[in-house]
Amino acid sequence: QVQLVESGGGSVQAGGSLRLSCAYIYSTYSSDCMGWFRQAPGKEREVVAAIYTGGAGTYYADSVKGRFTISQDNAKKTLYLQMNSLKPEDTAMYYCAAVPPHIVLPRTLCLGPSPDFRYWGQGTQVTVSS
């Protein structure tokens, strides 16, 4: 029903940049709410960014605000996460995620720290060295 495939992770030095991409395929209609979350070993999952209905609003965690930018290209069916000024604490596995398409999610519930992401990809590793 929903396929999400991330790419673009890697290893960079602190201060560097990476752009993550997520190719998405929906069998019916697309999700109103997509985003990225990360998880580091021994830490809780953290939603770092979310986007509502193709750009009608965005959310960023305080830890990444001003450094990360989420965007979506519906024509290419791709979600992006541009990450600048990377820090060692950004090291984690990053996952592209989506709320199920059949859920009509209010904008306010998408653009916060806990959207109802029920689909995610296999993840892409980001490692930032000091």
C-alpha atoms as a PDB file:
ATOM      1  CA  GLN A   1       0.000   0.000   0.000  1.00  0.00           C
ATOM      2  CA  VAL A   2       2.811   2.399   0.913  1.00  0.00           C
ATOM      3  CA  GLN A   3       6.444   2.083  -0.066  1.00  0.00           C
ATOM      4  CA  LEU A   4       9.116   4.422   1.205  1.00  0.00           C
ATOM      5  CA  VAL A   5      12.755   4.148   0.150  1.00  0.00           C
ATOM      6  CA  GLU A   6      15.377   6.427   1.653  1.00  0.00           C
ATOM      7  CA  SER A   7      18.766   7.334   0.236  1.00  0.00           C
ATOM      8  CA  GLY A   8      21.463   9.924   0.729  1.00  0.00           C
ATOM      9  CA  GLY A   9      22.920   9.100   4.114  1.00  0.00           C
ATOM     10  CA  GLY A  10      26.619   8.904   4.756  1.00  0.00           C
ATOM     11  CA  SER A  11      29.513  10.108   6.860  1.00  0.00           C
ATOM     12  CA  VAL A  12      30.473  13.761   7.106  1.00  0.00           C
ATOM     13  CA  GLN A  13      32.466  15.983   9.381  1.00  0.00           C
ATOM     14  CA  ALA A  14      30.799  18.424  11.729  1.00  0.00           C
ATOM     15  CA  GLY A  15      29.623  21.475   9.860  1.00  0.00           C
ATOM     16  CA  GLY A  16      28.998  19.535   6.685  1.00  0.00           C
ATOM     17  CA  SER A  17      25.791  18.915   4.777  1.00  0.00           C
ATOM     18  CA  LEU A  18      23.798  15.998   3.486  1.00  0.00           C
ATOM     19  CA  ARG A  19      20.526  15.701   1.602  1.00  0.00           C
ATOM     20  CA  LEU A  20      18.308  12.735   2.260  1.00  0.00           C
ATOM     21  CA  SER A  21      15.762  11.619  -0.315  1.00  0.00           C
ATOM     22  CA  CYS A  22      12.735   9.409   0.062  1.00  0.00           C
ATOM     23  CA  ALA A  23      11.005   7.940  -2.953  1.00  0.00           C
ATOM     24  CA  TYR A  24       7.403   7.131  -2.117  1.00  0.00           C
ATOM     25  CA  ILE A  25       4.748   5.026  -3.778  1.00  0.00           C
ATOM     26  CA  TYR A  26       1.118   4.926  -2.707  1.00  0.00           C
ATOM     27  CA  SER A  27      -1.238   2.329  -4.128  1.00  0.00           C
ATOM     28  CA  THR A  28      -4.207   4.676  -3.806  1.00  0.00           C
ATOM     29  CA  TYR A  29      -3.970   8.317  -2.838  1.00  0.00           C
ATOM     30  CA  SER A  30      -1.045   9.922  -1.061  1.00  0.00           C
ATOM     31  CA  SER A  31      -0.633  10.779   2.601  1.00  0.00           C
ATOM     32  CA  ASP A  32      -1.515  14.202   4.006  1.00  0.00           C
ATOM     33  CA  CYS A  33       1.432  14.075   6.361  1.00  0.00           C
ATOM     34  CA  MET A  34       4.977  12.888   5.807  1.00  0.00           C
ATOM     35  CA  GLY A  35       8.190  13.466   7.634  1.00  0.00           C
ATOM     36  CA  TRP A  36      11.494  12.232   8.937  1.00  0.00           C
ATOM     37  CA  PHE A  37      12.372  10.758  12.265  1.00  0.00           C
ATOM     38  CA  ARG A  38      15.700   9.550  13.610  1.00  0.00           C
ATOM     39  CA  GLN A  39      16.825   7.067  16.149  1.00  0.00           C
ATOM     40  CA  ALA A  40      20.239   6.674  17.691  1.00  0.00           C
ATOM     41  CA  PRO A  41      21.313   3.644  19.743  1.00  0.00           C
ATOM     42  CA  GLY A  42      19.954   3.886  23.254  1.00  0.00           C
ATOM     43  CA  LYS A  43      17.851   6.941  22.471  1.00  0.00           C
ATOM     44  CA  GLU A  44      14.180   7.448  21.836  1.00  0.00           C
ATOM     45  CA  ARG A  45      12.824   8.070  18.386  1.00  0.00           C
ATOM     46  CA  GLU A  46      12.706  11.758  17.528  1.00  0.00           C
ATOM     47  CA  VAL A  47      10.596  13.303  14.798  1.00  0.00           C
ATOM     48  CA  VAL A  48      12.896  15.918  13.297  1.00  0.00           C
ATOM     49  CA  ALA A  49      10.645  17.308  10.555  1.00  0.00           C
ATOM     50  CA  ALA A  50       7.166  16.952   9.109  1.00  0.00           C
ATOM     51  CA  ILE A  51       5.348  18.403   6.132  1.00  0.00           C
ATOM     52  CA  TYR A  52       1.612  18.744   5.577  1.00  0.00           C
ATOM     53  CA  THR A  53      -0.150  18.235   2.258  1.00  0.00           C
ATOM     54  CA  GLY A  54       2.770  18.914  -0.011  1.00  0.00           C
ATOM     55  CA  GLY A  55       4.010  22.048   1.669  1.00  0.00           C
ATOM     56  CA  ALA A  56       1.011  23.614   3.373  1.00  0.00           C
ATOM     57  CA  GLY A  57       2.986  23.669   6.593  1.00  0.00           C
ATOM     58  CA  THR A  58       6.159  22.302   8.123  1.00  0.00           C
ATOM     59  CA  TYR A  59       7.398  21.335  11.570  1.00  0.00           C
ATOM     60  CA  TYR A  60      10.925  21.094  12.897  1.00  0.00           C
ATOM     61  CA  ALA A  61      12.201  19.798  16.187  1.00  0.00           C
ATOM     62  CA  ASP A  62      14.021  22.435  18.204  1.00  0.00           C
ATOM     63  CA  SER A  63      17.197  20.407  17.888  1.00  0.00           C
ATOM     64  CA  VAL A  64      17.307  20.919  14.103  1.00  0.00           C
ATOM     65  CA  LYS A  65      15.450  24.176  13.585  1.00  0.00           C
ATOM     66  CA  GLY A  66      17.379  26.534  11.340  1.00  0.00           C
ATOM     67  CA  ARG A  67      19.652  23.755  10.077  1.00  0.00           C
ATOM     68  CA  PHE A  68      17.327  21.219   8.432  1.00  0.00           C
ATOM     69  CA  THR A  69      14.775  21.830   5.680  1.00  0.00           C
ATOM     70  CA  ILE A  70      12.037  19.431   4.627  1.00  0.00           C
ATOM     71  CA  SER A  71      10.526  19.638   1.172  1.00  0.00           C
ATOM     72  CA  GLN A  72       8.421  17.566  -1.160  1.00  0.00           C
ATOM     73  CA  ASP A  73       8.243  17.181  -4.920  1.00  0.00           C
ATOM     74  CA  ASN A  74       4.941  15.491  -5.723  1.00  0.00           C
ATOM     75  CA  ALA A  75       5.739  15.284  -9.429  1.00  0.00           C
ATOM     76  CA  LYS A  76       8.807  13.215  -8.591  1.00  0.00           C
ATOM     77  CA  LYS A  77       7.094  11.524  -5.642  1.00  0.00           C
ATOM     78  CA  THR A  78      10.084  12.353  -3.497  1.00  0.00           C
ATOM     79  CA  LEU A  79      10.486  13.763  -0.012  1.00  0.00           C
ATOM     80  CA  TYR A  80      13.725  15.526   0.912  1.00  0.00           C
ATOM     81  CA  LEU A  81      15.560  16.492   4.059  1.00  0.00           C
ATOM     82  CA  GLN A  82      18.348  19.005   3.547  1.00  0.00           C
ATOM     83  CA  MET A  83      20.660  18.909   6.539  1.00  0.00           C
ATOM     84  CA  ASN A  84      23.199  21.694   7.016  1.00  0.00           C
ATOM     85  CA  SER A  85      25.619  22.557   9.809  1.00  0.00           C
ATOM     86  CA  LEU A  86      25.581  18.958  10.941  1.00  0.00           C
ATOM     87  CA  LYS A  87      26.657  18.151  14.470  1.00  0.00           C
ATOM     88  CA  PRO A  88      27.906  14.899  16.005  1.00  0.00           C
ATOM     89  CA  GLU A  89      24.637  14.671  17.941  1.00  0.00           C
ATOM     90  CA  ASP A  90      22.807  14.387  14.606  1.00  0.00           C
ATOM     91  CA  THR A  91      24.329  10.928  14.182  1.00  0.00           C
ATOM     92  CA  ALA A  92      21.472   8.436  13.885  1.00  0.00           C
ATOM     93  CA  MET A  93      19.489   6.248  11.547  1.00  0.00           C
ATOM     94  CA  TYR A  94      17.055   8.462   9.647  1.00  0.00           C
ATOM     95  CA  TYR A  95      13.700   7.190   8.494  1.00  0.00           C
ATOM     96  CA  CYS A  96      11.208   8.607   6.046  1.00  0.00           C
ATOM     97  CA  ALA A  97       7.695   8.179   7.400  1.00  0.00           C
ATOM     98  CA  ALA A  98       4.066   8.705   6.508  1.00  0.00           C
ATOM     99  CA  VAL A  99       0.643   8.788   8.093  1.00  0.00           C
ATOM    100  CA  PRO A 100      -1.679   6.250   6.432  1.00  0.00           C
ATOM    101  CA  PRO A 101      -3.389   7.789   3.379  1.00  0.00           C
ATOM    102  CA  HIS A 102      -6.887   6.916   4.585  1.00  0.00           C
ATOM    103  CA  ILE A 103      -6.455   9.016   7.740  1.00  0.00           C
ATOM    104  CA  VAL A 104      -7.638  12.597   7.405  1.00  0.00           C
ATOM    105  CA  LEU A 105      -5.168  14.177   9.770  1.00  0.00           C
ATOM    106  CA  PRO A 106      -5.676  17.736  11.004  1.00  0.00           C
ATOM    107  CA  ARG A 107      -2.803  20.009  10.177  1.00  0.00           C
ATOM    108  CA  THR A 108      -2.108  20.646  13.852  1.00  0.00           C
ATOM    109  CA  LEU A 109      -1.570  16.950  14.529  1.00  0.00           C
ATOM    110  CA  CYS A 110       0.843  16.590  11.638  1.00  0.00           C
ATOM    111  CA  LEU A 111       2.952  19.606  12.501  1.00  0.00           C
ATOM    112  CA  GLY A 112       4.116  18.539  15.931  1.00  0.00           C
ATOM    113  CA  PRO A 113       6.472  16.114  17.659  1.00  0.00           C
ATOM    114  CA  SER A 114       4.170  13.072  17.430  1.00  0.00           C
ATOM    115  CA  PRO A 115       2.409  12.647  14.099  1.00  0.00           C
ATOM    116  CA  ASP A 116       0.747   9.260  13.647  1.00  0.00           C
ATOM    117  CA  PHE A 117       3.464   7.811  11.425  1.00  0.00           C
ATOM    118  CA  ARG A 118       2.623   4.192  10.736  1.00  0.00           C
ATOM    119  CA  TYR A 119       4.709   3.610   7.648  1.00  0.00           C
ATOM    120  CA  TRP A 120       8.433   4.074   7.332  1.00  0.00           C
ATOM    121  CA  GLY A 121      11.304   2.946   5.156  1.00  0.00           C
ATOM    122  CA  GLN A 122      14.365   0.885   5.903  1.00  0.00           C
ATOM    123  CA  GLY A 123      16.332   3.900   7.092  1.00  0.00           C
ATOM    124  CA  THR A 124      19.570   5.542   6.046  1.00  0.00           C
ATOM    125  CA  GLN A 125      22.520   6.048   8.370  1.00  0.00           C
ATOM    126  CA  VAL A 126      23.925   9.508   9.015  1.00  0.00           C
ATOM    127  CA  THR A 127      27.225   9.728  10.867  1.00  0.00           C
ATOM    128  CA  VAL A 128      28.752  13.064  11.819  1.00  0.00           C
ATOM    129  CA  SER A 129      32.291  13.121  13.172  1.00  0.00           C
ATOM    130  CA  SER A 130      33.809  15.904  15.231  1.00  0.00           C
END
